[in-house]
């Protein structure tokens, strides 16, 4: 079992490296997700995508729920 003595420090090093990388990536994502740091064009693009999604959901609801499914219940 002499190899176990060399595995523990290696395992500790890998664990600490993983934790450090996780913290760094989390901090990087939280700052990049901030609206104040985003360019206006990217913010506008997200607003347009959100509006398009809402329009598509309304169309799907109108066609499938109101047009097809509700009529099938009658």
PDB file of N, CA and C in Angstrom:
ATOM      1  N   UNK A   1       0.790  -1.198   0.000  1.00  0.00           N
ATOM      2  CA  UNK A   1       0.000   0.000   0.000  1.00  0.00           C
ATOM      3  C   UNK A   1       0.846   1.283   0.000  1.00  0.00           C
ATOM      4  N   UNK A   2       2.063   1.253  -0.430  1.00  0.00           N
ATOM      5  CA  UNK A   2       2.859   2.498  -0.435  1.00  0.00           C
ATOM      6  C   UNK A   2       2.372   3.507  -1.464  1.00  0.00           C
ATOM      7  N   UNK A   3       1.657   3.043  -2.478  1.00  0.00           N
ATOM      8  CA  UNK A   3       1.155   3.978  -3.486  1.00  0.00           C
ATOM      9  C   UNK A   3       0.061   4.876  -2.948  1.00  0.00           C
ATOM     10  N   UNK A   4      -0.641   4.466  -1.881  1.00  0.00           N
ATOM     11  CA  UNK A   4      -1.687   5.306  -1.297  1.00  0.00           C
ATOM     12  C   UNK A   4      -1.109   6.592  -0.714  1.00  0.00           C
ATOM     13  N   UNK A   5       0.124   6.531  -0.221  1.00  0.00           N
ATOM     14  CA  UNK A   5       0.744   7.723   0.333  1.00  0.00           C
ATOM     15  C   UNK A   5       1.004   8.772  -0.750  1.00  0.00           C
ATOM     16  N   UNK A   6       1.239   8.346  -1.969  1.00  0.00           N
ATOM     17  CA  UNK A   6       1.483   9.310  -3.037  1.00  0.00           C
ATOM     18  C   UNK A   6       0.201   9.744  -3.728  1.00  0.00           C
ATOM     19  N   UNK A   7      -0.875   9.001  -3.543  1.00  0.00           N
ATOM     20  CA  UNK A   7      -2.152   9.339  -4.192  1.00  0.00           C
ATOM     21  C   UNK A   7      -2.848  10.476  -3.471  1.00  0.00           C
ATOM     22  N   UNK A   8      -2.799  10.517  -2.147  1.00  0.00           N
ATOM     23  CA  UNK A   8      -3.525  11.535  -1.397  1.00  0.00           C
ATOM     24  C   UNK A   8      -3.084  12.953  -1.729  1.00  0.00           C
ATOM     25  N   UNK A   9      -1.796  13.252  -1.772  1.00  0.00           N
ATOM     26  CA  UNK A   9      -1.411  14.635  -2.153  1.00  0.00           C
ATOM     27  C   UNK A   9      -1.833  14.985  -3.576  1.00  0.00           C
ATOM     28  N   UNK A  10      -1.729  14.029  -4.469  1.00  0.00           N
ATOM     29  CA  UNK A  10      -2.152  14.261  -5.852  1.00  0.00           C
ATOM     30  C   UNK A  10      -3.650  14.534  -5.907  1.00  0.00           C
ATOM     31  N   UNK A  11      -4.441  13.729  -5.178  1.00  0.00           N
ATOM     32  CA  UNK A  11      -5.894  13.908  -5.141  1.00  0.00           C
ATOM     33  C   UNK A  11      -6.256  15.257  -4.533  1.00  0.00           C
ATOM     34  N   UNK A  12      -5.549  15.652  -3.490  1.00  0.00           N
ATOM     35  CA  UNK A  12      -5.791  16.956  -2.877  1.00  0.00           C
ATOM     36  C   UNK A  12      -5.485  18.087  -3.869  1.00  0.00           C
ATOM     37  N   UNK A  13      -4.387  17.960  -4.595  1.00  0.00           N
ATOM     38  CA  UNK A  13      -4.024  18.982  -5.582  1.00  0.00           C
ATOM     39  C   UNK A  13      -5.053  19.098  -6.693  1.00  0.00           C
ATOM     40  N   UNK A  14      -5.526  17.967  -7.182  1.00  0.00           N
ATOM     41  CA  UNK A  14      -6.538  17.981  -8.244  1.00  0.00           C
ATOM     42  C   UNK A  14      -7.837  18.585  -7.725  1.00  0.00           C
ATOM     43  N   UNK A  15      -8.220  18.249  -6.506  1.00  0.00           N
ATOM     44  CA  UNK A  15      -9.452  18.797  -5.924  1.00  0.00           C
ATOM     45  C   UNK A  15      -9.354  20.305  -5.756  1.00  0.00           C
ATOM     46  N   UNK A  16      -8.223  20.783  -5.245  1.00  0.00           N
ATOM     47  CA  UNK A  16      -8.043  22.231  -5.071  1.00  0.00           C
ATOM     48  C   UNK A  16      -8.023  22.957  -6.415  1.00  0.00           C
ATOM     49  N   UNK A  17      -7.403  22.352  -7.414  1.00  0.00           N
ATOM     50  CA  UNK A  17      -7.386  22.956  -8.748  1.00  0.00           C
ATOM     51  C   UNK A  17      -8.795  23.036  -9.325  1.00  0.00           C
ATOM     52  N   UNK A  18      -9.582  21.990  -9.144  1.00  0.00           N
ATOM     53  CA  UNK A  18     -10.960  21.975  -9.635  1.00  0.00           C
ATOM     54  C   UNK A  18     -11.802  23.036  -8.933  1.00  0.00           C
ATOM     55  N   UNK A  19     -11.644  23.144  -7.624  1.00  0.00           N
ATOM     56  CA  UNK A  19     -12.405  24.152  -6.888  1.00  0.00           C
ATOM     57  C   UNK A  19     -12.014  25.565  -7.322  1.00  0.00           C
ATOM     58  N   UNK A  20     -10.720  25.782  -7.499  1.00  0.00           N
ATOM     59  CA  UNK A  20     -10.270  27.105  -7.949  1.00  0.00           C
ATOM     60  C   UNK A  20     -10.796  27.451  -9.323  1.00  0.00           C
ATOM     61  N   UNK A  21     -10.761  26.482 -10.228  1.00  0.00           N
ATOM     62  CA  UNK A  21     -11.273  26.706 -11.574  1.00  0.00           C
ATOM     63  C   UNK A  21     -12.773  26.971 -11.560  1.00  0.00           C
ATOM     64  N   UNK A  22     -13.500  26.248 -10.724  1.00  0.00           N
ATOM     65  CA  UNK A  22     -14.946  26.457 -10.617  1.00  0.00           C
ATOM     66  C   UNK A  22     -15.267  27.851 -10.100  1.00  0.00           C
ATOM     67  N   UNK A  23     -14.558  28.281  -9.095  1.00  0.00           N
ATOM     68  CA  UNK A  23     -14.787  29.621  -8.543  1.00  0.00           C
ATOM     69  C   UNK A  23     -14.444  30.686  -9.577  1.00  0.00           C
ATOM     70  N   UNK A  24     -13.326  30.517 -10.268  1.00  0.00           N
ATOM     71  CA  UNK A  24     -12.914  31.496 -11.283  1.00  0.00           C
ATOM     72  C   UNK A  24     -13.934  31.577 -12.413  1.00  0.00           C
ATOM     73  N   UNK A  25     -14.408  30.424 -12.907  1.00  0.00           N
ATOM     74  CA  UNK A  25     -15.400  30.439 -13.987  1.00  0.00           C
ATOM     75  C   UNK A  25     -16.713  31.043 -13.527  1.00  0.00           C
ATOM     76  N   UNK A  26     -17.123  30.756 -12.294  1.00  0.00           N
ATOM     77  CA  UNK A  26     -18.351  31.350 -11.763  1.00  0.00           C
ATOM     78  C   UNK A  26     -18.260  32.854 -11.673  1.00  0.00           C
ATOM     79  N   UNK A  27     -17.119  33.344 -11.215  1.00  0.00           N
ATOM     80  CA  UNK A  27     -16.927  34.791 -11.124  1.00  0.00           C
ATOM     81  C   UNK A  27     -16.889  35.416 -12.511  1.00  0.00           C
ATOM     82  N   UNK A  28     -16.267  34.735 -13.455  1.00  0.00           N
ATOM     83  CA  UNK A  28     -16.180  35.262 -14.818  1.00  0.00           C
ATOM     84  C   UNK A  28     -17.564  35.323 -15.470  1.00  0.00           C
ATOM     85  N   UNK A  29     -18.387  34.303 -15.254  1.00  0.00           N
ATOM     86  CA  UNK A  29     -19.728  34.286 -15.837  1.00  0.00           C
ATOM     87  C   UNK A  29     -20.631  35.324 -15.191  1.00  0.00           C
ATOM     88  N   UNK A  30     -20.483  35.536 -13.887  1.00  0.00           N
ATOM     89  CA  UNK A  30     -21.350  36.515 -13.225  1.00  0.00           C
ATOM     90  C   UNK A  30     -21.032  37.932 -13.692  1.00  0.00           C
ATOM     91  N   UNK A  31     -19.774  38.225 -13.980  1.00  0.00           N
ATOM     92  CA  UNK A  31     -19.448  39.566 -14.462  1.00  0.00           C
ATOM     93  C   UNK A  31     -19.812  39.724 -15.927  1.00  0.00           C
ATOM     94  N   UNK A  32     -19.722  38.645 -16.712  1.00  0.00           N
ATOM     95  CA  UNK A  32     -20.078  38.769 -18.126  1.00  0.00           C
ATOM     96  C   UNK A  32     -21.588  38.786 -18.314  1.00  0.00           C
ATOM     97  N   UNK A  33     -22.352  38.331 -17.329  1.00  0.00           N
ATOM     98  CA  UNK A  33     -23.803  38.349 -17.416  1.00  0.00           C
ATOM     99  C   UNK A  33     -24.410  39.664 -16.963  1.00  0.00           C
ATOM    100  N   UNK A  34     -23.602  40.601 -16.538  1.00  0.00           N
ATOM    101  CA  UNK A  34     -24.075  41.886 -16.051  1.00  0.00           C
ATOM    102  C   UNK A  34     -24.486  42.777 -17.218  1.00  0.00           C
ATOM    103  N   UNK A  35     -25.675  43.354 -17.150  1.00  0.00           N
ATOM    104  CA  UNK A  35     -26.177  44.198 -18.239  1.00  0.00           C
ATOM    105  C   UNK A  35     -25.341  45.458 -18.431  1.00  0.00           C
ATOM    106  N   UNK A  36     -24.734  45.972 -17.367  1.00  0.00           N
ATOM    107  CA  UNK A  36     -23.967  47.208 -17.489  1.00  0.00           C
ATOM    108  C   UNK A  36     -22.709  46.991 -18.321  1.00  0.00           C
ATOM    109  N   UNK A  37     -22.188  45.777 -18.328  1.00  0.00           N
ATOM    110  CA  UNK A  37     -20.967  45.507 -19.068  1.00  0.00           C
ATOM    111  C   UNK A  37     -21.234  45.036 -20.495  1.00  0.00           C
ATOM    112  N   UNK A  38     -22.472  44.764 -20.819  1.00  0.00           N
ATOM    113  CA  UNK A  38     -22.828  44.267 -22.137  1.00  0.00           C
ATOM    114  C   UNK A  38     -22.929  45.402 -23.139  1.00  0.00           C
ATOM    115  N   UNK A  39     -22.472  45.178 -24.335  1.00  0.00           N
ATOM    116  CA  UNK A  39     -22.679  46.194 -25.368  1.00  0.00           C
ATOM    117  C   UNK A  39     -24.170  46.363 -25.659  1.00  0.00           C
ATOM    118  N   UNK A  40     -24.535  47.550 -26.081  1.00  0.00           N
ATOM    119  CA  UNK A  40     -25.952  47.807 -26.338  1.00  0.00           C
ATOM    120  C   UNK A  40     -26.518  46.918 -27.432  1.00  0.00           C
ATOM    121  N   UNK A  41     -25.700  46.619 -28.439  1.00  0.00           N
ATOM    122  CA  UNK A  41     -26.195  45.794 -29.538  1.00  0.00           C
ATOM    123  C   UNK A  41     -26.527  44.382 -29.052  1.00  0.00           C
ATOM    124  N   UNK A  42     -25.735  43.851 -28.119  1.00  0.00           N
ATOM    125  CA  UNK A  42     -26.017  42.526 -27.579  1.00  0.00           C
ATOM    126  C   UNK A  42     -27.288  42.561 -26.725  1.00  0.00           C
ATOM    127  N   UNK A  43     -27.438  43.618 -25.937  1.00  0.00           N
ATOM    128  CA  UNK A  43     -28.639  43.757 -25.111  1.00  0.00           C
ATOM    129  C   UNK A  43     -29.884  43.898 -26.002  1.00  0.00           C
ATOM    130  N   UNK A  44     -29.760  44.673 -27.071  1.00  0.00           N
ATOM    131  CA  UNK A  44     -30.876  44.847 -28.000  1.00  0.00           C
ATOM    132  C   UNK A  44     -31.215  43.529 -28.689  1.00  0.00           C
ATOM    133  N   UNK A  45     -30.189  42.756 -29.041  1.00  0.00           N
ATOM    134  CA  UNK A  45     -30.403  41.461 -29.681  1.00  0.00           C
ATOM    135  C   UNK A  45     -31.172  40.527 -28.746  1.00  0.00           C
ATOM    136  N   UNK A  46     -30.815  40.532 -27.470  1.00  0.00           N
ATOM    137  CA  UNK A  46     -31.529  39.683 -26.511  1.00  0.00           C
ATOM    138  C   UNK A  46     -32.969  40.139 -26.337  1.00  0.00           C
ATOM    139  N   UNK A  47     -33.197  41.450 -26.376  1.00  0.00           N
ATOM    140  CA  UNK A  47     -34.556  41.971 -26.271  1.00  0.00           C
ATOM    141  C   UNK A  47     -35.386  41.535 -27.481  1.00  0.00           C
ATOM    142  N   UNK A  48     -34.803  41.614 -28.655  1.00  0.00           N
ATOM    143  CA  UNK A  48     -35.497  41.190 -29.873  1.00  0.00           C
ATOM    144  C   UNK A  48     -35.791  39.695 -29.821  1.00  0.00           C
ATOM    145  N   UNK A  49     -34.826  38.897 -29.365  1.00  0.00           N
ATOM    146  CA  UNK A  49     -35.039  37.449 -29.263  1.00  0.00           C
ATOM    147  C   UNK A  49     -36.156  37.130 -28.273  1.00  0.00           C
ATOM    148  N   UNK A  50     -36.205  37.869 -27.176  1.00  0.00           N
ATOM    149  CA  UNK A  50     -37.269  37.658 -26.184  1.00  0.00           C
ATOM    150  C   UNK A  50     -38.639  38.005 -26.773  1.00  0.00           C
ATOM    151  N   UNK A  51     -38.707  39.109 -27.531  1.00  0.00           N
ATOM    152  CA  UNK A  51     -39.964  39.490 -28.175  1.00  0.00           C
ATOM    153  C   UNK A  51     -40.381  38.456 -29.222  1.00  0.00           C
ATOM    154  N   UNK A  52     -39.417  37.981 -29.998  1.00  0.00           N
ATOM    155  CA  UNK A  52     -39.728  36.958 -30.998  1.00  0.00           C
ATOM    156  C   UNK A  52     -40.231  35.680 -30.353  1.00  0.00           C
ATOM    157  N   UNK A  53     -39.636  35.313 -29.233  1.00  0.00           N
ATOM    158  CA  UNK A  53     -40.081  34.112 -28.515  1.00  0.00           C
ATOM    159  C   UNK A  53     -41.520  34.278 -28.042  1.00  0.00           C
ATOM    160  N   UNK A  54     -41.856  35.453 -27.501  1.00  0.00           N
ATOM    161  CA  UNK A  54     -43.215  35.696 -27.025  1.00  0.00           C
ATOM    162  C   UNK A  54     -44.209  35.665 -28.191  1.00  0.00           C
ATOM    163  N   UNK A  55     -43.826  36.220 -29.327  1.00  0.00           N
ATOM    164  CA  UNK A  55     -44.703  36.187 -30.501  1.00  0.00           C
ATOM    165  C   UNK A  55     -44.930  34.755 -30.980  1.00  0.00           C
ATOM    166  N   UNK A  56     -43.863  33.965 -31.014  1.00  0.00           N
ATOM    167  CA  UNK A  56     -43.980  32.573 -31.455  1.00  0.00           C
ATOM    168  C   UNK A  56     -44.854  31.775 -30.495  1.00  0.00           C
ATOM    169  N   UNK A  57     -44.691  31.993 -29.189  1.00  0.00           N
ATOM    170  CA  UNK A  57     -45.540  31.297 -28.222  1.00  0.00           C
ATOM    171  C   UNK A  57     -47.010  31.687 -28.404  1.00  0.00           C
ATOM    172  N   UNK A  58     -47.269  32.949 -28.691  1.00  0.00           N
ATOM    173  CA  UNK A  58     -48.647  33.392 -28.911  1.00  0.00           C
ATOM    174  C   UNK A  58     -49.235  32.745 -30.165  1.00  0.00           C
ATOM    175  N   UNK A  59     -48.424  32.633 -31.224  1.00  0.00           N
ATOM    176  CA  UNK A  59     -48.895  31.993 -32.455  1.00  0.00           C
ATOM    177  C   UNK A  59     -49.172  30.512 -32.250  1.00  0.00           C
ATOM    178  N   UNK A  60     -48.282  29.843 -31.535  1.00  0.00           N
ATOM    179  CA  UNK A  60     -48.479  28.412 -31.262  1.00  0.00           C
ATOM    180  C   UNK A  60     -49.728  28.216 -30.426  1.00  0.00           C
ATOM    181  N   UNK A  61     -49.929  29.071 -29.426  1.00  0.00           N
ATOM    182  CA  UNK A  61     -51.121  28.955 -28.584  1.00  0.00           C
ATOM    183  C   UNK A  61     -52.385  29.193 -29.400  1.00  0.00           C
ATOM    184  N   UNK A  62     -52.346  30.225 -30.236  1.00  0.00           N
ATOM    185  CA  UNK A  62     -53.531  30.541 -31.033  1.00  0.00           C
ATOM    186  C   UNK A  62     -53.856  29.416 -32.009  1.00  0.00           C
ATOM    187  N   UNK A  63     -52.858  28.856 -32.661  1.00  0.00           N
ATOM    188  CA  UNK A  63     -53.114  27.821 -33.660  1.00  0.00           C
ATOM    189  C   UNK A  63     -53.459  26.488 -33.012  1.00  0.00           C
ATOM    190  N   UNK A  64     -52.582  25.999 -32.135  1.00  0.00           N
ATOM    191  CA  UNK A  64     -52.751  24.647 -31.608  1.00  0.00           C
ATOM    192  C   UNK A  64     -53.755  24.569 -30.469  1.00  0.00           C
ATOM    193  N   UNK A  65     -53.672  25.448 -29.504  1.00  0.00           N
ATOM    194  CA  UNK A  65     -54.565  25.357 -28.350  1.00  0.00           C
ATOM    195  C   UNK A  65     -55.964  25.815 -28.723  1.00  0.00           C
ATOM    196  N   UNK A  66     -56.065  27.019 -29.260  1.00  0.00           N
ATOM    197  CA  UNK A  66     -57.387  27.549 -29.609  1.00  0.00           C
ATOM    198  C   UNK A  66     -57.945  26.891 -30.864  1.00  0.00           C
ATOM    199  N   UNK A  67     -57.111  26.736 -31.872  1.00  0.00           N
ATOM    200  CA  UNK A  67     -57.602  26.259 -33.167  1.00  0.00           C
ATOM    201  C   UNK A  67     -57.807  24.766 -33.257  1.00  0.00           C
ATOM    202  N   UNK A  68     -56.930  23.976 -32.649  1.00  0.00           N
ATOM    203  CA  UNK A  68     -57.004  22.526 -32.829  1.00  0.00           C
ATOM    204  C   UNK A  68     -57.537  21.836 -31.581  1.00  0.00           C
ATOM    205  N   UNK A  69     -56.898  22.047 -30.457  1.00  0.00           N
ATOM    206  CA  UNK A  69     -57.244  21.277 -29.261  1.00  0.00           C
ATOM    207  C   UNK A  69     -58.603  21.634 -28.686  1.00  0.00           C
ATOM    208  N   UNK A  70     -58.932  22.941 -28.615  1.00  0.00           N
ATOM    209  CA  UNK A  70     -60.240  23.307 -28.092  1.00  0.00           C
ATOM    210  C   UNK A  70     -61.368  22.816 -28.993  1.00  0.00           C
ATOM    211  N   UNK A  71     -61.160  22.821 -30.297  1.00  0.00           N
ATOM    212  CA  UNK A  71     -62.187  22.321 -31.217  1.00  0.00           C
ATOM    213  C   UNK A  71     -62.355  20.817 -31.107  1.00  0.00           C
ATOM    214  N   UNK A  72     -61.294  20.117 -30.739  1.00  0.00           N
ATOM    215  CA  UNK A  72     -61.394  18.664 -30.622  1.00  0.00           C
ATOM    216  C   UNK A  72     -62.196  18.260 -29.391  1.00  0.00           C
ATOM    217  N   UNK A  73     -62.372  19.151 -28.450  1.00  0.00           N
ATOM    218  CA  UNK A  73     -63.146  18.844 -27.247  1.00  0.00           C
ATOM    219  C   UNK A  73     -64.648  18.977 -27.480  1.00  0.00           C
ATOM    220  N   UNK A  74     -65.036  19.659 -28.509  1.00  0.00           N
ATOM    221  CA  UNK A  74     -66.462  19.882 -28.779  1.00  0.00           C
ATOM    222  C   UNK A  74     -67.117  18.698 -29.436  1.00  0.00           C
TER     223      UNK A  74
END
